[in-house]
Amino acid sequence: MTERELNEVREIRSGYEAKQKSKLDELKALDKRAKLPAIIFAYTFGIIGALVLGFGMCMAIGVIFNSMVIGIIVGVAGIAMVSVNYPVYKGLLSIRIRKYAPKINELSEELIKA
């Protein structure tokens, strides 16, 4: 076999070997677990807020339902949703970080000392 074929065989075999979880993998997983819910909320709430704002704009200019007053009210509600999105995200992230901080700090200290 050529060297290229041997490398290909090694790559294929490495995909089927049982992987050992290291402390670094555990630290990355904890970091992701701490941040992901806040990120998902921020994207979802921001998209919904932008859609509400757009729907209100369409109502106000007469594209849908031709109701300017209700469109302005809906648009302002969308603006409010988009405006509070970042502070709510920061609050959720802060809560999650406080929850996972002891374990993350412990693991990071172990990795730094090693």
N, C-alpha and C. Protein backbone atom coordinates (compact mmCIF):
# COMPACT_ATOMS: atom_id res chain seq x y z
N MET A 1 0.83 -1.18 0.00
CA MET A 1 0.00 0.00 0.00
C MET A 1 0.88 1.25 0.00
N THR A 2 0.36 2.28 -0.62
CA THR A 2 1.10 3.53 -0.64
C THR A 2 0.85 4.30 0.66
N GLU A 3 1.64 5.32 0.87
CA GLU A 3 1.50 6.13 2.09
C GLU A 3 0.14 6.83 2.13
N ARG A 4 -0.34 7.27 0.99
CA ARG A 4 -1.63 7.94 0.91
C ARG A 4 -2.75 6.98 1.30
N GLU A 5 -2.69 5.76 0.84
CA GLU A 5 -3.72 4.77 1.18
C GLU A 5 -3.67 4.43 2.66
N LEU A 6 -2.46 4.33 3.22
CA LEU A 6 -2.33 4.06 4.65
C LEU A 6 -2.94 5.19 5.48
N ASN A 7 -2.72 6.44 5.07
CA ASN A 7 -3.33 7.57 5.77
C ASN A 7 -4.85 7.53 5.69
N GLU A 8 -5.36 7.14 4.54
CA GLU A 8 -6.80 7.04 4.37
C GLU A 8 -7.38 5.96 5.27
N VAL A 9 -6.69 4.83 5.35
CA VAL A 9 -7.13 3.74 6.24
C VAL A 9 -7.12 4.20 7.69
N ARG A 10 -6.07 4.93 8.09
CA ARG A 10 -5.99 5.44 9.47
C ARG A 10 -7.12 6.41 9.77
N GLU A 11 -7.45 7.28 8.82
CA GLU A 11 -8.53 8.23 9.01
C GLU A 11 -9.87 7.51 9.18
N ILE A 12 -10.11 6.51 8.35
CA ILE A 12 -11.35 5.75 8.45
C ILE A 12 -11.42 5.04 9.79
N ARG A 13 -10.33 4.40 10.19
CA ARG A 13 -10.30 3.67 11.45
C ARG A 13 -10.51 4.61 12.64
N SER A 14 -9.94 5.80 12.57
CA SER A 14 -10.08 6.74 13.69
C SER A 14 -11.53 7.18 13.88
N GLY A 15 -12.31 7.15 12.83
CA GLY A 15 -13.72 7.50 12.94
C GLY A 15 -14.54 6.46 13.67
N TYR A 16 -14.03 5.24 13.78
CA TYR A 16 -14.76 4.15 14.42
C TYR A 16 -14.21 3.79 15.79
N GLU A 17 -13.12 4.37 16.19
CA GLU A 17 -12.55 4.08 17.50
C GLU A 17 -13.32 4.85 18.57
N ALA A 18 -13.39 4.25 19.75
CA ALA A 18 -14.05 4.91 20.87
C ALA A 18 -13.19 6.10 21.30
N LYS A 19 -13.82 7.25 21.40
CA LYS A 19 -13.08 8.45 21.75
C LYS A 19 -13.11 8.64 23.26
N GLN A 20 -11.97 8.98 23.81
CA GLN A 20 -11.84 9.25 25.23
C GLN A 20 -12.22 10.71 25.49
N LYS A 21 -13.10 10.91 26.46
CA LYS A 21 -13.46 12.28 26.81
C LYS A 21 -12.40 12.86 27.72
N SER A 22 -11.86 13.98 27.32
CA SER A 22 -10.84 14.64 28.13
C SER A 22 -11.51 15.74 28.97
N LYS A 23 -10.74 16.29 29.87
CA LYS A 23 -11.24 17.40 30.71
C LYS A 23 -11.56 18.62 29.84
N LEU A 24 -10.78 18.81 28.77
CA LEU A 24 -11.03 19.94 27.88
C LEU A 24 -12.36 19.77 27.15
N ASP A 25 -12.66 18.55 26.72
CA ASP A 25 -13.95 18.28 26.08
C ASP A 25 -15.10 18.55 27.05
N GLU A 26 -14.92 18.14 28.30
CA GLU A 26 -15.95 18.37 29.31
C GLU A 26 -16.13 19.86 29.58
N LEU A 27 -15.01 20.61 29.60
CA LEU A 27 -15.08 22.05 29.82
C LEU A 27 -15.81 22.74 28.67
N LYS A 28 -15.51 22.34 27.44
CA LYS A 28 -16.20 22.91 26.28
C LYS A 28 -17.69 22.60 26.31
N ALA A 29 -18.05 21.38 26.71
CA ALA A 29 -19.46 20.99 26.78
C ALA A 29 -20.19 21.80 27.85
N LEU A 30 -19.55 22.02 28.99
CA LEU A 30 -20.17 22.83 30.03
C LEU A 30 -20.36 24.28 29.59
N ASP A 31 -19.36 24.82 28.90
CA ASP A 31 -19.46 26.19 28.39
C ASP A 31 -20.61 26.31 27.41
N LYS A 32 -20.73 25.33 26.54
CA LYS A 32 -21.81 25.34 25.55
C LYS A 32 -23.17 25.19 26.25
N ARG A 33 -23.23 24.30 27.25
CA ARG A 33 -24.48 24.09 27.98
C ARG A 33 -24.90 25.35 28.73
N ALA A 34 -23.93 26.14 29.18
CA ALA A 34 -24.24 27.36 29.90
C ALA A 34 -24.77 28.45 28.96
N LYS A 35 -24.22 28.53 27.75
CA LYS A 35 -24.56 29.64 26.85
C LYS A 35 -25.69 29.35 25.87
N LEU A 36 -25.87 28.11 25.48
CA LEU A 36 -26.78 27.78 24.39
C LEU A 36 -28.24 28.18 24.63
N PRO A 37 -28.84 27.93 25.81
CA PRO A 37 -30.24 28.33 25.99
C PRO A 37 -30.46 29.83 25.83
N ALA A 38 -29.54 30.65 26.33
CA ALA A 38 -29.68 32.10 26.18
C ALA A 38 -29.57 32.52 24.72
N ILE A 39 -28.67 31.89 23.99
CA ILE A 39 -28.50 32.21 22.57
C ILE A 39 -29.74 31.82 21.78
N ILE A 40 -30.26 30.62 22.05
CA ILE A 40 -31.46 30.18 21.34
C ILE A 40 -32.63 31.12 21.64
N PHE A 41 -32.80 31.51 22.90
CA PHE A 41 -33.87 32.44 23.24
C PHE A 41 -33.70 33.76 22.51
N ALA A 42 -32.48 34.30 22.51
CA ALA A 42 -32.25 35.60 21.89
C ALA A 42 -32.57 35.58 20.40
N TYR A 43 -32.13 34.54 19.70
CA TYR A 43 -32.43 34.47 18.27
C TYR A 43 -33.93 34.31 18.03
N THR A 44 -34.56 33.43 18.77
CA THR A 44 -36.00 33.19 18.58
C THR A 44 -36.82 34.43 18.89
N PHE A 45 -36.56 35.04 20.05
CA PHE A 45 -37.32 36.22 20.44
C PHE A 45 -37.05 37.40 19.50
N GLY A 46 -35.80 37.54 19.05
CA GLY A 46 -35.46 38.61 18.11
C GLY A 46 -36.15 38.45 16.77
N ILE A 47 -36.20 37.21 16.28
CA ILE A 47 -36.88 36.95 15.00
C ILE A 47 -38.37 37.22 15.12
N ILE A 48 -38.96 36.76 16.22
CA ILE A 48 -40.40 36.99 16.42
C ILE A 48 -40.68 38.49 16.53
N GLY A 49 -39.84 39.21 17.27
CA GLY A 49 -40.00 40.65 17.40
C GLY A 49 -39.88 41.37 16.06
N ALA A 50 -38.93 40.95 15.23
CA ALA A 50 -38.77 41.56 13.91
C ALA A 50 -39.97 41.27 13.02
N LEU A 51 -40.50 40.06 13.13
CA LEU A 51 -41.69 39.72 12.34
C LEU A 51 -42.91 40.52 12.79
N VAL A 52 -43.07 40.70 14.09
CA VAL A 52 -44.18 41.51 14.61
C VAL A 52 -44.02 42.95 14.13
N LEU A 53 -42.83 43.48 14.19
CA LEU A 53 -42.57 44.84 13.70
C LEU A 53 -42.90 44.96 12.22
N GLY A 54 -42.46 44.01 11.44
CA GLY A 54 -42.75 44.03 10.00
C GLY A 54 -44.22 43.90 9.70
N PHE A 55 -44.92 43.04 10.45
CA PHE A 55 -46.35 42.90 10.26
C PHE A 55 -47.07 44.21 10.58
N GLY A 56 -46.64 44.86 11.66
CA GLY A 56 -47.24 46.15 12.01
C GLY A 56 -46.98 47.20 10.95
N MET A 57 -45.78 47.21 10.37
CA MET A 57 -45.47 48.15 9.30
C MET A 57 -46.35 47.89 8.08
N CYS A 58 -46.54 46.62 7.75
CA CYS A 58 -47.39 46.28 6.60
C CYS A 58 -48.83 46.72 6.84
N MET A 59 -49.29 46.56 8.06
CA MET A 59 -50.65 47.01 8.38
C MET A 59 -50.74 48.53 8.29
N ALA A 60 -49.73 49.23 8.78
CA ALA A 60 -49.77 50.69 8.81
C ALA A 60 -49.74 51.30 7.42
N ILE A 61 -49.01 50.69 6.48
CA ILE A 61 -48.94 51.28 5.14
C ILE A 61 -50.01 50.72 4.21
N GLY A 62 -50.83 49.81 4.72
CA GLY A 62 -51.98 49.36 3.95
C GLY A 62 -51.75 48.15 3.08
N VAL A 63 -50.65 47.44 3.24
CA VAL A 63 -50.42 46.24 2.45
C VAL A 63 -51.32 45.11 2.94
N ILE A 64 -51.47 45.01 4.26
CA ILE A 64 -52.31 43.99 4.88
C ILE A 64 -53.34 44.71 5.76
N PHE A 65 -54.58 44.40 5.61
CA PHE A 65 -55.70 44.87 6.44
C PHE A 65 -55.96 46.38 6.39
N ASN A 66 -55.07 47.18 5.90
CA ASN A 66 -55.29 48.62 5.73
C ASN A 66 -55.78 49.29 7.02
N SER A 67 -55.10 49.05 8.11
CA SER A 67 -55.46 49.64 9.40
C SER A 67 -54.23 50.31 10.00
N MET A 68 -54.12 51.61 9.82
CA MET A 68 -52.93 52.32 10.24
C MET A 68 -52.76 52.34 11.76
N VAL A 69 -53.82 52.60 12.52
CA VAL A 69 -53.71 52.72 13.97
C VAL A 69 -53.28 51.39 14.59
N ILE A 70 -53.95 50.31 14.21
CA ILE A 70 -53.59 48.99 14.74
C ILE A 70 -52.18 48.61 14.26
N GLY A 71 -51.83 48.96 13.05
CA GLY A 71 -50.50 48.69 12.54
C GLY A 71 -49.42 49.39 13.33
N ILE A 72 -49.67 50.63 13.71
CA ILE A 72 -48.70 51.36 14.52
C ILE A 72 -48.56 50.72 15.89
N ILE A 73 -49.67 50.30 16.48
CA ILE A 73 -49.63 49.66 17.79
C ILE A 73 -48.84 48.34 17.72
N VAL A 74 -49.12 47.55 16.69
CA VAL A 74 -48.40 46.28 16.53
C VAL A 74 -46.92 46.54 16.25
N GLY A 75 -46.62 47.53 15.45
CA GLY A 75 -45.24 47.89 15.15
C GLY A 75 -44.48 48.34 16.39
N VAL A 76 -45.12 49.11 17.24
CA VAL A 76 -44.49 49.55 18.48
C VAL A 76 -44.25 48.35 19.41
N ALA A 77 -45.18 47.41 19.41
CA ALA A 77 -44.99 46.18 20.20
C ALA A 77 -43.76 45.41 19.69
N GLY A 78 -43.60 45.35 18.37
CA GLY A 78 -42.42 44.69 17.79
C GLY A 78 -41.14 45.42 18.14
N ILE A 79 -41.18 46.75 18.11
CA ILE A 79 -40.01 47.54 18.50
C ILE A 79 -39.65 47.27 19.96
N ALA A 80 -40.66 47.18 20.82
CA ALA A 80 -40.42 46.89 22.23
C ALA A 80 -39.79 45.51 22.41
N MET A 81 -40.29 44.54 21.67
CA MET A 81 -39.73 43.18 21.76
C MET A 81 -38.26 43.17 21.35
N VAL A 82 -37.96 43.82 20.24
CA VAL A 82 -36.58 43.85 19.75
C VAL A 82 -35.69 44.64 20.71
N SER A 83 -36.25 45.68 21.32
CA SER A 83 -35.46 46.52 22.22
C SER A 83 -35.08 45.80 23.52
N VAL A 84 -35.96 44.97 24.04
CA VAL A 84 -35.66 44.28 25.30
C VAL A 84 -34.93 42.97 25.08
N ASN A 85 -34.74 42.57 23.85
CA ASN A 85 -34.12 41.28 23.56
C ASN A 85 -32.71 41.18 24.16
N TYR A 86 -31.87 42.16 23.94
CA TYR A 86 -30.49 42.09 24.43
C TYR A 86 -30.40 42.09 25.95
N PRO A 87 -31.12 42.99 26.65
CA PRO A 87 -31.06 42.92 28.11
C PRO A 87 -31.57 41.59 28.68
N VAL A 88 -32.60 41.03 28.08
CA VAL A 88 -33.11 39.74 28.54
C VAL A 88 -32.07 38.66 28.27
N TYR A 89 -31.44 38.70 27.12
CA TYR A 89 -30.37 37.74 26.79
C TYR A 89 -29.25 37.83 27.81
N LYS A 90 -28.80 39.04 28.13
CA LYS A 90 -27.71 39.21 29.10
C LYS A 90 -28.13 38.69 30.47
N GLY A 91 -29.38 38.91 30.85
CA GLY A 91 -29.87 38.41 32.13
C GLY A 91 -29.88 36.89 32.18
N LEU A 92 -30.41 36.27 31.12
CA LEU A 92 -30.43 34.80 31.06
C LEU A 92 -29.02 34.23 31.06
N LEU A 93 -28.13 34.85 30.31
CA LEU A 93 -26.75 34.39 30.25
C LEU A 93 -26.08 34.51 31.61
N SER A 94 -26.35 35.60 32.32
CA SER A 94 -25.78 35.80 33.64
C SER A 94 -26.25 34.72 34.61
N ILE A 95 -27.52 34.38 34.56
CA ILE A 95 -28.07 33.33 35.42
C ILE A 95 -27.41 31.99 35.11
N ARG A 96 -27.29 31.67 33.83
CA ARG A 96 -26.69 30.39 33.44
C ARG A 96 -25.21 30.34 33.80
N ILE A 97 -24.51 31.44 33.64
CA ILE A 97 -23.09 31.47 33.98
C ILE A 97 -22.90 31.27 35.48
N ARG A 98 -23.75 31.92 36.30
CA ARG A 98 -23.65 31.72 37.74
C ARG A 98 -23.91 30.27 38.12
N LYS A 99 -24.82 29.62 37.39
CA LYS A 99 -25.15 28.23 37.69
C LYS A 99 -23.97 27.30 37.39
N TYR A 100 -23.29 27.52 36.28
CA TYR A 100 -22.22 26.61 35.85
C TYR A 100 -20.82 27.08 36.24
N ALA A 101 -20.69 28.26 36.82
CA ALA A 101 -19.37 28.81 37.13
C ALA A 101 -18.52 27.94 38.05
N PRO A 102 -19.06 27.39 39.13
CA PRO A 102 -18.18 26.59 40.00
C PRO A 102 -17.54 25.39 39.29
N LYS A 103 -18.33 24.65 38.53
CA LYS A 103 -17.81 23.48 37.83
C LYS A 103 -16.82 23.89 36.74
N ILE A 104 -17.13 24.95 35.99
CA ILE A 104 -16.23 25.41 34.93
C ILE A 104 -14.92 25.92 35.53
N ASN A 105 -15.00 26.67 36.63
CA ASN A 105 -13.78 27.15 37.27
C ASN A 105 -12.94 26.00 37.80
N GLU A 106 -13.59 24.99 38.38
CA GLU A 106 -12.87 23.84 38.90
C GLU A 106 -12.13 23.10 37.78
N LEU A 107 -12.84 22.84 36.68
CA LEU A 107 -12.21 22.15 35.55
C LEU A 107 -11.08 22.96 34.93
N SER A 108 -11.30 24.26 34.79
CA SER A 108 -10.26 25.09 34.18
C SER A 108 -9.02 25.16 35.07
N GLU A 109 -9.21 25.19 36.38
CA GLU A 109 -8.05 25.18 37.29
C GLU A 109 -7.28 23.87 37.16
N GLU A 110 -7.99 22.75 37.05
CA GLU A 110 -7.33 21.46 36.86
C GLU A 110 -6.51 21.44 35.57
N LEU A 111 -7.09 22.00 34.51
CA LEU A 111 -6.39 22.01 33.22
C LEU A 111 -5.20 22.95 33.23
N ILE A 112 -5.31 24.08 33.91
CA ILE A 112 -4.22 25.03 33.96
C ILE A 112 -3.05 24.47 34.77
N LYS A 113 -3.36 23.78 35.86
CA LYS A 113 -2.31 23.22 36.72
C LYS A 113 -1.62 22.01 36.07
N ALA A 114 -2.33 21.32 35.20
CA ALA A 114 -1.75 20.10 34.60
C ALA A 114 -0.72 20.39 33.54
